Protein backbone atom coordinates (compact mmCIF):
# COMPACT_ATOMS: atom_id res chain seq x y z
CA MET A 1 -132.17 35.86 11.24
CA HIS A 2 -129.84 33.99 13.78
CA ASN A 3 -131.27 31.40 15.41
CA LYS A 4 -130.10 31.64 19.32
CA GLU A 5 -130.60 27.73 20.18
CA TYR A 6 -128.35 26.80 16.78
CA ARG A 7 -124.67 25.38 17.32
CA PRO A 8 -122.26 24.84 14.39
CA THR A 9 -121.12 20.98 14.14
CA LEU A 10 -117.33 20.80 13.56
CA ALA A 11 -117.67 18.93 10.23
CA GLN A 12 -119.65 23.05 9.12
CA LEU A 13 -116.63 24.74 10.97
CA ARG A 14 -114.06 22.32 9.10
CA THR A 15 -116.19 23.68 5.88
CA PHE A 16 -115.88 26.97 6.80
CA VAL A 17 -111.99 26.99 7.71
CA THR A 18 -111.25 24.77 4.56
CA ILE A 19 -112.93 27.24 2.46
CA ALA A 20 -111.65 30.00 3.55
CA GLU A 21 -107.79 29.00 3.67
CA ASN A 22 -108.20 27.73 -0.28
CA LYS A 23 -110.55 30.32 -1.96
CA HIS A 24 -111.76 27.14 -4.46
CA PHE A 25 -114.61 25.06 -3.77
CA GLY A 26 -113.26 22.38 -5.50
CA THR A 27 -110.18 21.91 -3.92
CA ALA A 28 -111.70 22.54 0.07
CA ALA A 29 -113.83 19.62 -1.13
CA GLN A 30 -111.18 17.52 -2.30
CA LYS A 31 -109.38 18.11 1.13
CA LEU A 32 -112.13 17.08 3.00
CA GLU A 33 -112.39 14.18 0.94
CA ILE A 34 -116.24 15.07 0.06
CA SER A 35 -118.26 15.97 -2.60
CA GLN A 36 -119.03 20.01 -3.70
CA PRO A 37 -122.36 19.71 -3.04
CA SER A 38 -121.91 18.73 -0.08
CA LEU A 39 -119.22 20.79 0.89
CA SER A 40 -122.03 23.59 0.08
CA GLN A 41 -124.98 22.31 1.83
CA ALA A 42 -122.30 22.54 5.14
CA LEU A 43 -121.57 25.85 4.49
CA VAL A 44 -125.15 27.20 3.71
CA ALA A 45 -125.66 25.30 6.95
CA LEU A 46 -123.88 27.74 9.24
CA GLU A 47 -124.74 30.31 7.29
CA GLN A 48 -128.13 29.99 8.01
CA GLY A 49 -127.99 28.91 11.68
CA LEU A 50 -125.53 32.21 12.06
CA GLY A 51 -127.82 34.33 9.97
CA ILE A 52 -124.50 35.75 8.76
CA GLN A 53 -122.71 35.42 4.87
CA LEU A 54 -119.20 33.96 5.86
CA ILE A 55 -118.41 32.97 2.27
CA GLU A 56 -119.05 35.34 -0.64
CA ARG A 57 -119.14 32.98 -3.85
CA SER A 58 -118.64 34.16 -7.72
CA THR A 59 -118.26 32.34 -11.09
CA ARG A 60 -114.61 33.49 -10.46
CA LYS A 61 -113.11 33.81 -7.14
CA VAL A 62 -114.17 32.70 -3.40
CA ILE A 63 -114.16 35.83 -0.87
CA VAL A 64 -114.06 35.91 3.03
CA THR A 65 -115.90 38.73 3.77
CA PRO A 66 -115.88 40.18 6.92
CA ALA A 67 -117.32 38.57 9.68
CA GLY A 68 -115.94 35.19 8.11
CA GLU A 69 -112.55 37.17 8.46
CA THR A 70 -113.51 38.30 12.57
CA LEU A 71 -115.28 34.51 12.79
CA LEU A 72 -112.35 32.31 11.34
CA PRO A 73 -109.78 32.41 14.16
CA TYR A 74 -112.56 31.39 16.35
CA ALA A 75 -113.63 28.43 14.22
CA LYS A 76 -110.17 27.51 13.77
CA ALA A 77 -109.71 27.48 17.60
CA THR A 78 -112.81 25.34 17.52
CA LEU A 79 -111.48 22.97 15.71
CA GLU A 80 -108.01 22.68 17.46
CA ALA A 81 -109.60 22.48 21.11
CA ALA A 82 -111.77 19.49 19.61
CA ASP A 83 -108.99 17.91 18.22
CA THR A 84 -107.11 18.00 21.50
CA PHE A 85 -109.68 16.92 23.22
CA VAL A 86 -109.42 13.59 21.16
CA ALA A 87 -105.92 13.41 21.41
CA ASN A 88 -105.69 13.75 24.95
CA ALA A 89 -108.68 11.23 25.57
CA ARG A 90 -106.15 8.84 23.47
CA GLY A 91 -103.13 9.65 25.30
CA ALA A 92 -104.56 10.07 28.30
CA THR A 93 -101.73 7.44 29.70
CA GLY A 94 -99.37 9.57 28.40
CA THR A 95 -98.34 7.01 25.38
CA LEU A 96 -99.02 7.53 21.51
CA SER A 97 -102.13 5.16 21.16
CA GLY A 98 -105.22 4.60 19.07
CA PRO A 99 -105.32 6.27 15.56
CA VAL A 100 -102.04 8.75 14.15
CA THR A 101 -101.46 10.14 11.12
CA ILE A 102 -98.25 10.35 9.94
CA GLY A 103 -97.12 12.35 6.67
CA ILE A 104 -93.63 11.13 5.17
CA ILE A 105 -92.05 12.44 2.04
CA PRO A 106 -91.36 10.09 -0.73
CA THR A 107 -88.00 10.11 -0.56
CA VAL A 108 -87.77 8.92 2.93
CA ALA A 109 -90.84 6.71 2.69
CA PRO A 110 -89.49 3.97 1.28
CA TYR A 111 -85.86 3.78 3.66
CA ILE A 112 -87.47 4.04 6.63
CA LEU A 113 -90.38 2.54 7.05
CA PRO A 114 -89.52 -1.21 7.24
CA ASP A 115 -88.26 -0.21 10.45
CA LEU A 116 -90.39 2.37 11.78
CA LEU A 117 -93.13 0.36 11.56
CA SER A 118 -91.32 -2.65 12.84
CA ALA A 119 -90.39 -0.46 16.03
CA ILE A 120 -93.89 1.54 16.20
CA GLU A 121 -95.49 -2.36 16.43
CA GLU A 122 -92.43 -2.92 19.16
CA GLU A 123 -92.80 -0.01 21.49
CA TYR A 124 -96.41 1.40 21.04
CA PRO A 125 -98.41 -1.63 20.87
CA GLU A 126 -101.78 0.14 21.35
CA LEU A 127 -100.71 2.94 18.16
CA GLU A 128 -102.58 2.57 14.77
CA PRO A 129 -100.17 4.26 12.33
CA ARG A 130 -101.47 5.24 9.23
CA ILE A 131 -99.10 6.86 6.31
CA VAL A 132 -99.41 9.45 4.23
CA GLU A 133 -96.67 9.36 1.53
CA GLU A 134 -97.25 12.55 -0.85
CA GLN A 135 -94.57 16.05 -1.52
CA THR A 136 -94.25 18.51 1.11
CA GLN A 137 -96.89 21.07 0.42
CA TYR A 138 -99.83 18.67 0.32
CA LEU A 139 -98.40 16.86 3.53
CA MET A 140 -98.42 20.49 5.06
CA ASP A 141 -101.74 21.69 3.99
CA LYS A 142 -103.39 18.27 5.53
CA LEU A 143 -101.27 19.04 8.69
CA ARG A 144 -102.67 22.17 8.82
CA ASN A 145 -106.64 20.89 7.96
CA GLY A 146 -106.15 18.02 10.90
CA GLN A 147 -105.90 15.42 8.34
CA ILE A 148 -102.83 13.89 9.12
CA ASP A 149 -100.98 14.42 12.87
CA LEU A 150 -98.04 14.38 12.10
CA VAL A 151 -94.81 15.03 9.00
CA VAL A 152 -92.09 13.90 8.25
CA ALA A 153 -90.14 16.33 5.64
CA ALA A 154 -86.89 18.28 4.79
CA LEU A 155 -86.61 21.43 6.94
CA PRO A 156 -87.27 24.05 6.59
CA THR A 157 -91.15 24.10 5.35
CA GLU A 158 -91.58 26.87 5.97
CA SER A 159 -94.89 26.86 7.85
CA VAL A 160 -96.47 28.82 9.93
CA GLY A 161 -98.18 27.91 13.13
CA VAL A 162 -96.64 24.73 12.93
CA VAL A 163 -93.92 23.63 15.27
CA GLU A 164 -90.75 22.08 13.40
CA VAL A 165 -88.02 19.23 15.22
CA PRO A 166 -84.94 18.38 13.80
CA LEU A 167 -84.57 14.82 13.37
CA TYR A 168 -81.41 14.18 11.31
CA THR A 169 -78.76 15.65 8.79
CA GLU A 170 -78.75 13.10 5.85
CA LYS A 171 -75.20 13.32 2.80
CA PHE A 172 -76.29 12.90 -0.76
CA ALA A 173 -74.17 10.49 -2.55
CA VAL A 174 -74.11 10.84 -6.40
CA VAL A 175 -75.09 7.52 -8.45
CA THR A 176 -73.62 7.18 -12.07
CA PRO A 177 -73.41 3.98 -14.60
CA LYS A 178 -70.01 1.50 -13.79
CA ASP A 179 -68.02 2.96 -16.13
CA HIS A 180 -68.27 6.31 -15.65
CA LYS A 181 -65.20 8.32 -15.09
CA LEU A 182 -66.35 9.59 -11.59
CA ALA A 183 -67.56 6.29 -10.67
CA GLY A 184 -66.96 4.96 -7.19
CA ARG A 185 -64.91 7.63 -5.78
CA ASP A 186 -64.90 9.30 -2.05
CA ASP A 187 -63.65 12.42 -3.37
CA LEU A 188 -65.89 14.44 -5.02
CA SER A 189 -65.94 18.22 -5.04
CA ILE A 190 -69.57 19.83 -6.03
CA LYS A 191 -68.33 21.18 -9.55
CA ASP A 192 -67.67 17.24 -10.52
CA LEU A 193 -71.48 17.92 -11.08
CA ASP A 194 -70.95 19.79 -14.13
CA LYS A 195 -69.58 16.50 -15.76
CA LEU A 196 -72.66 14.90 -15.05
CA ASN A 197 -75.83 14.74 -17.12
CA LEU A 198 -78.15 15.13 -14.03
CA LEU A 199 -81.62 13.28 -13.94
CA LEU A 200 -83.71 14.69 -11.39
CA LEU A 201 -87.22 14.31 -9.76
CA ASP A 202 -90.73 15.67 -10.97
CA ASP A 203 -90.98 19.06 -10.25
CA GLY A 204 -92.74 19.59 -6.56
CA HIS A 205 -90.47 17.11 -4.91
CA CYS A 206 -87.83 18.82 -2.23
CA LEU A 207 -85.09 17.18 -3.38
CA ARG A 208 -85.33 18.03 -6.92
CA ASP A 209 -85.16 21.68 -5.42
CA GLN A 210 -82.42 20.81 -2.75
CA ILE A 211 -80.30 19.67 -5.62
CA LEU A 212 -80.76 22.95 -7.68
CA ASP A 213 -80.12 24.62 -4.90
CA LEU A 214 -76.94 22.68 -4.29
CA CYS A 215 -75.76 23.51 -7.51
CA ARG A 216 -76.90 26.96 -7.86
CA ASN A 217 -75.23 27.18 -4.76
CA ALA A 218 -71.55 25.94 -5.67
CA LEU A 219 -71.97 27.90 -9.11
CA VAL A 220 -72.44 25.21 -10.98
CA ASN A 221 -74.87 25.13 -14.18
CA PRO A 222 -78.07 23.11 -13.07
CA SER A 223 -79.93 24.28 -16.38
CA GLU A 224 -79.64 21.43 -18.29
CA ALA A 225 -81.14 19.26 -15.10
CA SER A 226 -83.83 22.34 -14.88
CA ASN A 227 -84.91 21.99 -17.64
CA ALA A 228 -84.45 18.18 -19.01
CA VAL A 229 -87.32 16.79 -20.34
CA THR A 230 -86.69 13.56 -18.91
CA ARG A 231 -88.26 13.88 -15.44
CA ALA A 232 -89.58 11.00 -13.08
CA SER A 233 -91.71 11.22 -9.70
CA SER A 234 -89.81 8.42 -8.28
CA LEU A 235 -85.81 7.74 -7.30
CA THR A 236 -87.02 3.95 -7.91
CA THR A 237 -87.80 5.46 -11.41
CA ILE A 238 -84.45 7.62 -11.54
CA ILE A 239 -82.51 4.72 -10.94
CA GLN A 240 -83.74 2.71 -13.87
CA LEU A 241 -82.60 5.69 -16.10
CA VAL A 242 -79.11 5.83 -14.90
CA VAL A 243 -79.26 2.34 -15.18
CA GLY A 244 -80.29 2.50 -18.85
CA GLY A 245 -77.40 5.15 -19.43
CA LEU A 246 -79.58 8.40 -19.78
CA GLY A 247 -77.62 9.87 -16.79
CA ALA A 248 -76.97 10.01 -13.15
CA THR A 249 -78.17 11.36 -9.92
CA LEU A 250 -78.08 12.29 -6.73
CA ILE A 251 -79.55 10.45 -4.00
CA PRO A 252 -80.02 10.52 -0.20
CA GLU A 253 -77.45 8.00 1.37
CA SER A 254 -80.43 6.52 3.24
CA ALA A 255 -81.85 5.90 -0.34
CA ILE A 256 -78.32 3.78 -1.60
CA SER A 257 -79.12 0.34 -0.20
CA THR A 258 -82.69 0.03 -1.24
CA GLU A 259 -82.20 1.90 -4.53
CA CYS A 260 -78.38 0.79 -5.88
CA HIS A 261 -78.33 -2.88 -6.19
CA HIS A 262 -78.75 -3.15 -9.89
CA PRO A 263 -75.02 -4.19 -11.36
CA GLY A 264 -74.78 -1.28 -13.46
CA LEU A 265 -74.57 1.47 -10.94
CA ALA A 266 -71.72 2.34 -9.38
CA VAL A 267 -71.80 5.34 -5.82
CA SER A 268 -69.49 7.76 -5.73
CA ARG A 269 -69.26 10.46 -1.80
CA PHE A 270 -68.09 14.01 -1.72
CA ASN A 271 -65.13 14.48 0.22
CA LYS A 272 -65.30 15.59 3.74
CA ASN A 273 -65.53 19.34 3.21
CA VAL A 274 -68.38 19.27 1.23
CA THR A 275 -71.55 20.28 2.50
CA ALA A 276 -74.31 18.28 -0.08
CA GLU A 277 -77.04 17.11 2.16
CA ARG A 278 -80.54 17.83 3.53
CA GLU A 279 -81.97 18.09 7.11
CA ILE A 280 -84.95 15.69 7.83
CA GLY A 281 -87.42 16.84 10.61
CA LEU A 282 -90.58 16.11 12.04
CA VAL A 283 -93.32 18.91 12.16
CA TYR A 284 -96.97 19.09 13.63
CA ARG A 285 -99.18 21.58 14.74
CA ALA A 286 -97.75 24.59 17.42
CA SER A 287 -101.56 24.14 18.92
CA ALA A 288 -101.03 19.89 19.13
CA ALA A 289 -101.62 18.79 22.53
CA ARG A 290 -99.35 15.61 22.49
CA GLY A 291 -96.23 17.48 21.25
CA GLU A 292 -93.99 15.65 24.23
CA GLU A 293 -95.39 12.40 22.87
CA PHE A 294 -93.96 13.21 19.40
CA ARG A 295 -90.71 14.51 20.11
CA LYS A 296 -90.58 11.08 21.98
CA PHE A 297 -91.97 9.06 18.85
CA SER A 298 -88.89 10.83 16.79
CA GLU A 299 -86.70 9.08 18.59
CA LEU A 300 -88.13 5.90 16.82
CA ILE A 301 -87.56 8.24 13.43
CA VAL A 302 -84.35 8.45 14.02
CA ASP A 303 -83.31 5.11 15.22
CA SER A 304 -85.25 3.84 11.86
CA TYR A 305 -82.25 6.13 9.60
CA ASN A 306 -79.72 4.76 11.38
CA HIS A 307 -80.30 1.38 10.54
CA ALA A 308 -80.87 2.55 7.14
CA ILE A 309 -77.74 4.25 7.42
CA GLU A 310 -75.96 0.91 8.56
CA ARG A 311 -76.85 -0.53 5.30
CA ALA A 312 -75.89 1.83 3.16
CA ARG A 313 -72.19 1.59 4.42
CA GLU A 314 -72.18 -1.68 4.47
CA PHE A 315 -73.29 -1.97 0.52
């Protein structure tokens, strides 16, 4: 029976929304960083307080009931309103302050963070940055669930309910052993990739998908790279494999000065008519109250990238 005096907590609403979005109790508990029993208790308390069933549970699947589907948009709106309230309280002066969680993909984070964190300390002294480095799909999940405020990732993310702000377009460079016949050239074509045993990041990294798409669009056979047994989860490891003579790779230009200082490596670039690049942008929830502040903050990200590019061109 519905309790007229009952008012759900934000934690209970967030539990319901996360379960409804993921259709899995274990995944929802992991994303909320709570135990599964605590998750179930929060949902039961919400359903008992409302006097209706929101989620059907079975051993095989989780189903959102018709009542749950009806109430889900209102639960999301309530959570967004609460986030907006807190955001405005923190940013009442018009500048970012307090804790802000920034998600950054692994092929960007190591190369802009040194400059970015220094710039934040100087430009936003009251801001408390919290950095989460993860693959795009996980960052976008956390963004939608309110666990992250901003995401720096390759565009487009193909996500709904978000604003994507393009920041910069970044060229790819080719890294080979120093004795390779393509080493050190600045006039490469996409067809030259056919001459390489490409080493790529593991599945789930957008850089891997971008390189494979680049090969396919130029009718270069990517099958050897896409099916390779040798895989790695970081550019640092990929570069070590190139040093060891196992192949070659493509890296974003901002990574050159950090990753390519080994004496056994050579960096080559494509000719100016070749489009081998990615677009990096800032992503935040469309309902975020501090959209203009986030856009202003993005200038620091662009400046940090430009510093990395300056170092790459001096390399």
